[in-house]
Amino acid sequence: MHINVADLPWLEGEDGTKLQVLHIDLNQGLWVLNVRWPPGRKVATHYHTGCVYAVTRSGCWYYEEYPDTRNTAGSYLYEPAHSVHTLVVPEDNTEETDVWFAIHGANIDIDSEGRVLGVVDARTVLEQWRAGCEASGLDSSATLVAGL
């Protein structure tokens, strides 16, 4: 299976976050995507039920729980399953933060007491991606999807 990422659309959220879904494997619960965050973006506290791999291509980001470990262009991050963290993009970034992620399992958003606020998995990402592309008049058909 092969795609050129230039053939895939980017969806932009109300907060300025841009998302490009590259590959969804429903059998393995895998979702691979590119994300671009504007300076000052903070992602809800969460954990993943599987491991996550990340490659930072530009900008800077870190986990609020580990402020001294900064991911900058060229950084590779391995995140074990069930590590709790809050992703932060510094306000003083001079560019978008562009990161490639491969995520296994579900993303579980939690509150300060550890109560589950929401769950996103490969199927949810696929459904939201297709709906968002359709609503924006974009073609999502080049996204690699396995396990349907």
N, C-alpha and C. Protein backbone atom coordinates (compact mmCIF):
# COMPACT_ATOMS: atom_id res chain seq x y z
N MET A 1 0.86 -1.18 0.00
CA MET A 1 0.00 0.00 0.00
C MET A 1 0.90 1.23 0.00
N HIS A 2 0.57 2.18 -0.84
CA HIS A 2 1.40 3.37 -0.97
C HIS A 2 0.52 4.58 -1.25
N ILE A 3 0.85 5.69 -0.64
CA ILE A 3 0.19 6.96 -0.93
C ILE A 3 1.25 8.06 -0.91
N ASN A 4 0.93 9.15 -1.55
CA ASN A 4 1.72 10.36 -1.44
C ASN A 4 0.92 11.27 -0.50
N VAL A 5 1.53 11.70 0.60
CA VAL A 5 0.79 12.51 1.56
C VAL A 5 0.26 13.80 0.95
N ALA A 6 0.86 14.24 -0.14
CA ALA A 6 0.36 15.44 -0.82
C ALA A 6 -1.02 15.20 -1.44
N ASP A 7 -1.40 13.92 -1.59
CA ASP A 7 -2.71 13.59 -2.15
C ASP A 7 -3.81 13.55 -1.11
N LEU A 8 -3.45 13.72 0.15
CA LEU A 8 -4.44 13.67 1.23
C LEU A 8 -4.76 15.07 1.74
N PRO A 9 -6.03 15.32 2.00
CA PRO A 9 -6.41 16.66 2.50
C PRO A 9 -6.04 16.86 3.96
N TRP A 10 -6.02 18.11 4.36
CA TRP A 10 -5.88 18.51 5.76
C TRP A 10 -7.22 19.07 6.21
N LEU A 11 -7.68 18.67 7.36
CA LEU A 11 -8.87 19.26 7.98
C LEU A 11 -8.42 20.21 9.07
N GLU A 12 -9.04 21.38 9.12
CA GLU A 12 -8.69 22.36 10.15
C GLU A 12 -9.83 22.53 11.12
N GLY A 13 -9.51 22.39 12.41
CA GLY A 13 -10.50 22.56 13.46
C GLY A 13 -10.69 24.01 13.83
N GLU A 14 -11.69 24.28 14.63
CA GLU A 14 -12.00 25.64 15.05
C GLU A 14 -10.85 26.27 15.84
N ASP A 15 -10.05 25.44 16.51
CA ASP A 15 -8.94 25.95 17.31
C ASP A 15 -7.66 26.13 16.51
N GLY A 16 -7.72 25.89 15.19
CA GLY A 16 -6.55 26.05 14.34
C GLY A 16 -5.72 24.79 14.16
N THR A 17 -6.08 23.71 14.87
CA THR A 17 -5.39 22.44 14.70
C THR A 17 -5.71 21.86 13.33
N LYS A 18 -4.68 21.35 12.64
CA LYS A 18 -4.86 20.74 11.33
C LYS A 18 -4.54 19.26 11.44
N LEU A 19 -5.35 18.43 10.78
CA LEU A 19 -5.22 16.98 10.88
C LEU A 19 -5.23 16.37 9.49
N GLN A 20 -4.32 15.41 9.29
CA GLN A 20 -4.25 14.66 8.04
C GLN A 20 -4.14 13.18 8.42
N VAL A 21 -5.15 12.39 8.07
CA VAL A 21 -5.14 10.97 8.39
C VAL A 21 -4.48 10.21 7.24
N LEU A 22 -3.43 9.45 7.58
CA LEU A 22 -2.68 8.70 6.57
C LEU A 22 -3.14 7.26 6.45
N HIS A 23 -3.39 6.62 7.59
CA HIS A 23 -3.66 5.19 7.58
C HIS A 23 -4.49 4.83 8.81
N ILE A 24 -5.49 4.00 8.57
CA ILE A 24 -6.30 3.44 9.65
C ILE A 24 -6.31 1.93 9.46
N ASP A 25 -5.99 1.19 10.52
CA ASP A 25 -6.10 -0.27 10.47
C ASP A 25 -7.04 -0.68 11.60
N LEU A 26 -8.27 -1.00 11.24
CA LEU A 26 -9.28 -1.32 12.24
C LEU A 26 -9.00 -2.65 12.93
N ASN A 27 -8.36 -3.59 12.23
CA ASN A 27 -8.04 -4.88 12.86
C ASN A 27 -7.00 -4.73 13.95
N GLN A 28 -6.05 -3.84 13.76
CA GLN A 28 -4.98 -3.65 14.74
C GLN A 28 -5.22 -2.47 15.67
N GLY A 29 -6.27 -1.70 15.41
CA GLY A 29 -6.53 -0.52 16.23
C GLY A 29 -5.46 0.54 16.07
N LEU A 30 -4.94 0.67 14.85
CA LEU A 30 -3.84 1.59 14.56
C LEU A 30 -4.36 2.79 13.77
N TRP A 31 -3.90 3.98 14.17
CA TRP A 31 -4.19 5.19 13.39
C TRP A 31 -2.91 5.98 13.26
N VAL A 32 -2.63 6.35 12.00
CA VAL A 32 -1.41 7.09 11.68
C VAL A 32 -1.85 8.42 11.10
N LEU A 33 -1.29 9.50 11.64
CA LEU A 33 -1.73 10.82 11.20
C LEU A 33 -0.65 11.86 11.35
N ASN A 34 -0.83 12.93 10.63
CA ASN A 34 -0.04 14.14 10.79
C ASN A 34 -0.92 15.16 11.50
N VAL A 35 -0.32 15.87 12.44
CA VAL A 35 -1.05 16.93 13.16
C VAL A 35 -0.20 18.19 13.14
N ARG A 36 -0.85 19.32 12.91
CA ARG A 36 -0.20 20.63 12.99
C ARG A 36 -0.97 21.47 14.00
N TRP A 37 -0.26 21.91 15.02
CA TRP A 37 -0.88 22.74 16.06
C TRP A 37 -0.35 24.16 15.97
N PRO A 38 -1.21 25.14 16.20
CA PRO A 38 -0.74 26.53 16.29
C PRO A 38 -0.09 26.76 17.65
N PRO A 39 0.72 27.80 17.78
CA PRO A 39 1.29 28.13 19.08
C PRO A 39 0.18 28.31 20.13
N GLY A 40 0.47 27.85 21.35
CA GLY A 40 -0.47 28.03 22.45
C GLY A 40 -1.51 26.95 22.60
N ARG A 41 -1.49 25.92 21.79
CA ARG A 41 -2.51 24.86 21.85
C ARG A 41 -2.19 23.89 22.99
N LYS A 42 -3.22 23.49 23.71
CA LYS A 42 -3.09 22.51 24.79
C LYS A 42 -4.13 21.42 24.55
N VAL A 43 -3.68 20.15 24.60
CA VAL A 43 -4.55 19.00 24.38
C VAL A 43 -4.98 18.45 25.74
N ALA A 44 -6.20 18.00 25.85
CA ALA A 44 -6.73 17.48 27.12
C ALA A 44 -5.83 16.38 27.69
N THR A 45 -5.79 16.29 29.00
CA THR A 45 -5.05 15.22 29.67
C THR A 45 -5.63 13.89 29.22
N HIS A 46 -4.72 12.96 28.90
CA HIS A 46 -5.17 11.68 28.36
C HIS A 46 -4.10 10.61 28.51
N TYR A 47 -4.50 9.39 28.16
CA TYR A 47 -3.56 8.28 28.02
C TYR A 47 -4.02 7.43 26.86
N HIS A 48 -3.15 6.54 26.41
CA HIS A 48 -3.46 5.65 25.30
C HIS A 48 -3.44 4.22 25.81
N THR A 49 -4.30 3.38 25.26
CA THR A 49 -4.34 1.98 25.68
C THR A 49 -3.22 1.18 25.03
N GLY A 50 -2.59 1.72 24.01
CA GLY A 50 -1.45 1.09 23.36
C GLY A 50 -0.32 2.09 23.26
N CYS A 51 0.77 1.67 22.65
CA CYS A 51 1.92 2.57 22.53
C CYS A 51 1.72 3.59 21.41
N VAL A 52 2.51 4.66 21.48
CA VAL A 52 2.46 5.74 20.50
C VAL A 52 3.89 6.04 20.07
N TYR A 53 4.05 6.28 18.77
CA TYR A 53 5.32 6.72 18.20
C TYR A 53 5.10 8.10 17.61
N ALA A 54 6.04 9.02 17.81
CA ALA A 54 5.88 10.38 17.30
C ALA A 54 7.20 10.89 16.75
N VAL A 55 7.12 11.57 15.61
CA VAL A 55 8.28 12.25 15.02
C VAL A 55 7.89 13.71 14.82
N THR A 56 8.64 14.61 15.44
CA THR A 56 8.37 16.04 15.32
C THR A 56 9.13 16.57 14.12
N ARG A 57 8.40 17.24 13.22
CA ARG A 57 9.02 17.78 12.00
C ARG A 57 9.31 19.26 12.10
N SER A 58 8.51 19.98 12.88
CA SER A 58 8.78 21.41 13.09
C SER A 58 8.10 21.85 14.38
N GLY A 59 8.51 23.00 14.86
CA GLY A 59 7.91 23.55 16.08
C GLY A 59 8.45 22.89 17.33
N CYS A 60 7.67 23.00 18.40
CA CYS A 60 8.06 22.48 19.70
C CYS A 60 6.81 22.11 20.47
N TRP A 61 6.90 21.03 21.24
CA TRP A 61 5.82 20.63 22.13
C TRP A 61 6.42 19.82 23.29
N TYR A 62 5.64 19.70 24.35
CA TYR A 62 6.09 18.94 25.52
C TYR A 62 4.87 18.48 26.29
N TYR A 63 5.11 17.63 27.27
CA TYR A 63 4.04 17.22 28.16
C TYR A 63 4.11 18.08 29.42
N GLU A 64 2.98 18.60 29.83
CA GLU A 64 2.90 19.45 31.01
C GLU A 64 3.53 18.75 32.23
N GLU A 65 3.40 17.45 32.28
CA GLU A 65 3.94 16.68 33.40
C GLU A 65 5.47 16.55 33.34
N TYR A 66 6.06 16.82 32.17
CA TYR A 66 7.52 16.72 31.97
C TYR A 66 8.00 17.95 31.20
N PRO A 67 7.92 19.14 31.80
CA PRO A 67 8.18 20.38 31.07
C PRO A 67 9.62 20.55 30.57
N ASP A 68 10.55 19.82 31.14
CA ASP A 68 11.95 19.96 30.72
C ASP A 68 12.30 19.11 29.50
N THR A 69 11.40 18.24 29.08
CA THR A 69 11.64 17.39 27.91
C THR A 69 10.87 17.98 26.73
N ARG A 70 11.57 18.69 25.88
CA ARG A 70 10.94 19.35 24.74
C ARG A 70 11.16 18.55 23.46
N ASN A 71 10.10 18.38 22.70
CA ASN A 71 10.16 17.74 21.40
C ASN A 71 10.27 18.85 20.36
N THR A 72 11.36 18.85 19.62
CA THR A 72 11.60 19.85 18.57
C THR A 72 11.87 19.11 17.26
N ALA A 73 12.04 19.85 16.18
CA ALA A 73 12.26 19.24 14.86
C ALA A 73 13.35 18.18 14.95
N GLY A 74 13.02 16.98 14.47
CA GLY A 74 13.96 15.87 14.50
C GLY A 74 13.80 14.96 15.70
N SER A 75 12.96 15.33 16.67
CA SER A 75 12.76 14.49 17.86
C SER A 75 11.90 13.28 17.54
N TYR A 76 12.28 12.15 18.12
CA TYR A 76 11.49 10.92 18.06
C TYR A 76 11.06 10.60 19.48
N LEU A 77 9.79 10.25 19.67
CA LEU A 77 9.27 9.94 20.99
C LEU A 77 8.55 8.60 20.95
N TYR A 78 8.87 7.74 21.91
CA TYR A 78 8.12 6.51 22.14
C TYR A 78 7.37 6.71 23.44
N GLU A 79 6.08 6.43 23.40
CA GLU A 79 5.22 6.61 24.56
C GLU A 79 4.60 5.27 24.92
N PRO A 80 4.91 4.72 26.08
CA PRO A 80 4.32 3.44 26.45
C PRO A 80 2.83 3.58 26.76
N ALA A 81 2.12 2.48 26.63
CA ALA A 81 0.69 2.48 26.94
C ALA A 81 0.46 2.92 28.38
N HIS A 82 -0.62 3.64 28.58
CA HIS A 82 -1.13 4.06 29.89
C HIS A 82 -0.33 5.17 30.57
N SER A 83 0.61 5.81 29.86
CA SER A 83 1.27 6.97 30.47
C SER A 83 0.32 8.16 30.34
N VAL A 84 0.08 8.83 31.44
CA VAL A 84 -0.86 9.96 31.48
C VAL A 84 -0.09 11.24 31.21
N HIS A 85 -0.64 12.07 30.30
CA HIS A 85 0.05 13.30 29.94
C HIS A 85 -0.90 14.33 29.34
N THR A 86 -0.42 15.57 29.31
CA THR A 86 -1.15 16.71 28.78
C THR A 86 -0.23 17.41 27.79
N LEU A 87 -0.52 17.31 26.51
CA LEU A 87 0.34 17.87 25.47
C LEU A 87 0.16 19.38 25.39
N VAL A 88 1.30 20.09 25.37
CA VAL A 88 1.30 21.56 25.32
C VAL A 88 2.20 22.03 24.19
N VAL A 89 1.69 22.96 23.40
CA VAL A 89 2.48 23.66 22.39
C VAL A 89 2.73 25.05 22.95
N PRO A 90 3.99 25.43 23.16
CA PRO A 90 4.27 26.73 23.80
C PRO A 90 3.69 27.92 23.03
N GLU A 91 3.24 28.90 23.78
CA GLU A 91 2.68 30.12 23.18
C GLU A 91 3.71 30.88 22.38
N ASP A 92 4.99 30.75 22.76
CA ASP A 92 6.03 31.53 22.08
C ASP A 92 6.62 30.82 20.85
N ASN A 93 6.03 29.70 20.43
CA ASN A 93 6.46 29.08 19.18
C ASN A 93 6.34 30.08 18.05
N THR A 94 7.29 30.07 17.14
CA THR A 94 7.26 31.00 16.00
C THR A 94 6.68 30.36 14.75
N GLU A 95 6.29 29.09 14.86
CA GLU A 95 5.74 28.37 13.72
C GLU A 95 4.77 27.31 14.22
N GLU A 96 4.04 26.70 13.29
CA GLU A 96 3.20 25.57 13.65
C GLU A 96 4.09 24.43 14.13
N THR A 97 3.53 23.61 15.00
CA THR A 97 4.21 22.39 15.42
C THR A 97 3.61 21.25 14.60
N ASP A 98 4.47 20.57 13.84
CA ASP A 98 4.06 19.53 12.91
C ASP A 98 4.61 18.20 13.39
N VAL A 99 3.70 17.24 13.71
CA VAL A 99 4.11 15.96 14.27
C VAL A 99 3.40 14.82 13.54
N TRP A 100 4.17 13.76 13.26
CA TRP A 100 3.65 12.51 12.71
C TRP A 100 3.46 11.56 13.88
N PHE A 101 2.27 10.92 13.97
CA PHE A 101 1.97 9.98 15.04
C PHE A 101 1.51 8.64 14.47
N ALA A 102 1.93 7.56 15.12
CA ALA A 102 1.34 6.23 14.93
C ALA A 102 0.81 5.83 16.31
N ILE A 103 -0.50 5.63 16.40
CA ILE A 103 -1.15 5.41 17.68
C ILE A 103 -1.85 4.06 17.66
N HIS A 104 -1.51 3.23 18.63
CA HIS A 104 -2.14 1.92 18.79
C HIS A 104 -3.18 2.00 19.90
N GLY A 105 -4.36 1.49 19.64
CA GLY A 105 -5.40 1.46 20.67
C GLY A 105 -6.17 2.76 20.74
N ALA A 106 -6.75 3.00 21.89
CA ALA A 106 -7.63 4.15 22.08
C ALA A 106 -6.93 5.27 22.83
N ASN A 107 -7.41 6.48 22.60
CA ASN A 107 -7.01 7.68 23.34
C ASN A 107 -8.12 7.94 24.36
N ILE A 108 -7.78 7.96 25.64
CA ILE A 108 -8.76 8.14 26.71
C ILE A 108 -8.53 9.50 27.36
N ASP A 109 -9.45 10.44 27.16
CA ASP A 109 -9.38 11.75 27.82
C ASP A 109 -9.90 11.60 29.24
N ILE A 110 -9.18 12.21 30.20
CA ILE A 110 -9.57 12.10 31.60
C ILE A 110 -9.57 13.46 32.28
N ASP A 111 -10.29 13.55 33.40
CA ASP A 111 -10.26 14.78 34.19
C ASP A 111 -9.21 14.65 35.30
N SER A 112 -9.14 15.64 36.17
CA SER A 112 -8.10 15.67 37.20
C SER A 112 -8.25 14.54 38.23
N GLU A 113 -9.44 13.94 38.30
CA GLU A 113 -9.65 12.80 39.21
C GLU A 113 -9.50 11.46 38.49
N GLY A 114 -9.17 11.50 37.20
CA GLY A 114 -8.99 10.27 36.44
C GLY A 114 -10.26 9.72 35.84
N ARG A 115 -11.36 10.47 35.93
CA ARG A 115 -12.62 10.02 35.32
C ARG A 115 -12.56 10.19 33.81
N VAL A 116 -13.09 9.22 33.11
CA VAL A 116 -13.07 9.23 31.65
C VAL A 116 -14.05 10.28 31.11
N LEU A 117 -13.52 11.15 30.25
CA LEU A 117 -14.34 12.20 29.62
C LEU A 117 -14.68 11.85 28.18
N GLY A 118 -13.84 11.04 27.54
CA GLY A 118 -14.08 10.67 26.15
C GLY A 118 -13.08 9.64 25.68
N VAL A 119 -13.48 8.91 24.64
CA VAL A 119 -12.65 7.86 24.07
C VAL A 119 -12.63 8.03 22.55
N VAL A 120 -11.42 8.00 21.98
CA VAL A 120 -11.26 8.05 20.53
C VAL A 120 -10.39 6.87 20.13
N ASP A 121 -10.85 6.10 19.15
CA ASP A 121 -10.06 4.98 18.65
C ASP A 121 -10.00 5.04 17.13
N ALA A 122 -9.43 4.02 16.51
CA ALA A 122 -9.25 4.02 15.06
C ALA A 122 -10.57 4.19 14.32
N ARG A 123 -11.62 3.51 14.76
CA ARG A 123 -12.92 3.62 14.09
C ARG A 123 -13.48 5.03 14.24
N THR A 124 -13.38 5.60 15.44
CA THR A 124 -13.86 6.96 15.67
C THR A 124 -13.13 7.94 14.77
N VAL A 125 -11.79 7.80 14.70
CA VAL A 125 -10.99 8.68 13.85
C VAL A 125 -11.43 8.56 12.39
N LEU A 126 -11.62 7.33 11.92
CA LEU A 126 -12.05 7.12 10.54
C LEU A 126 -13.40 7.77 10.27
N GLU A 127 -14.36 7.56 11.16
CA GLU A 127 -15.70 8.13 10.98
C GLU A 127 -15.65 9.66 10.99
N GLN A 128 -14.91 10.23 11.95
CA GLN A 128 -14.82 11.69 12.03
C GLN A 128 -14.07 12.27 10.84
N TRP A 129 -13.02 11.58 10.40
CA TRP A 129 -12.24 12.01 9.25
C TRP A 129 -13.11 12.05 7.99
N ARG A 130 -13.82 10.97 7.74
CA ARG A 130 -14.68 10.93 6.54
C ARG A 130 -15.78 11.97 6.61
N ALA A 131 -16.41 12.12 7.77
CA ALA A 131 -17.47 13.12 7.91
C ALA A 131 -16.93 14.53 7.74
N GLY A 132 -15.77 14.81 8.34
CA GLY A 132 -15.17 16.14 8.21
C GLY A 132 -14.77 16.46 6.79
N CYS A 133 -14.21 15.48 6.10
CA CYS A 133 -13.84 15.70 4.69
C CYS A 133 -15.07 15.94 3.84
N GLU A 134 -16.10 15.13 4.05
CA GLU A 134 -17.34 15.30 3.27
C GLU A 134 -17.95 16.68 3.52
N ALA A 135 -18.01 17.10 4.78
CA ALA A 135 -18.60 18.40 5.12
C ALA A 135 -17.79 19.56 4.53
N SER A 136 -16.49 19.34 4.35
CA SER A 136 -15.62 20.39 3.80
C SER A 136 -15.43 20.28 2.29
N GLY A 137 -16.09 19.29 1.69
CA GLY A 137 -15.96 19.10 0.25
C GLY A 137 -14.61 18.53 -0.16
N LEU A 138 -13.96 17.79 0.75
CA LEU A 138 -12.64 17.23 0.49
C LEU A 138 -12.77 15.73 0.23
N ASP A 139 -11.84 15.19 -0.54
CA ASP A 139 -11.84 13.76 -0.89
C ASP A 139 -10.92 13.00 0.06
N SER A 140 -11.47 12.11 0.84
CA SER A 140 -10.68 11.32 1.80
C SER A 140 -10.37 9.93 1.27
N SER A 141 -10.69 9.65 0.01
CA SER A 141 -10.59 8.29 -0.50
C SER A 141 -9.16 7.76 -0.61
N ALA A 142 -8.15 8.62 -0.62
CA ALA A 142 -6.77 8.15 -0.73
C ALA A 142 -6.22 7.64 0.60
N THR A 143 -6.91 7.93 1.72
CA THR A 143 -6.46 7.44 3.02
C THR A 143 -6.45 5.92 3.01
N LEU A 144 -5.36 5.34 3.49
CA LEU A 144 -5.25 3.88 3.54
C LEU A 144 -6.08 3.34 4.69
N VAL A 145 -7.01 2.45 4.37
CA VAL A 145 -7.90 1.86 5.39
C VAL A 145 -7.85 0.35 5.25
N ALA A 146 -7.58 -0.32 6.36
CA ALA A 146 -7.56 -1.78 6.39
C ALA A 146 -8.55 -2.26 7.44
N GLY A 147 -9.10 -3.43 7.21
CA GLY A 147 -9.95 -4.05 8.21
C GLY A 147 -11.42 -3.73 8.11
N LEU A 148 -11.87 -3.19 6.98
CA LEU A 148 -13.31 -2.91 6.83
C LEU A 148 -14.06 -4.16 6.47
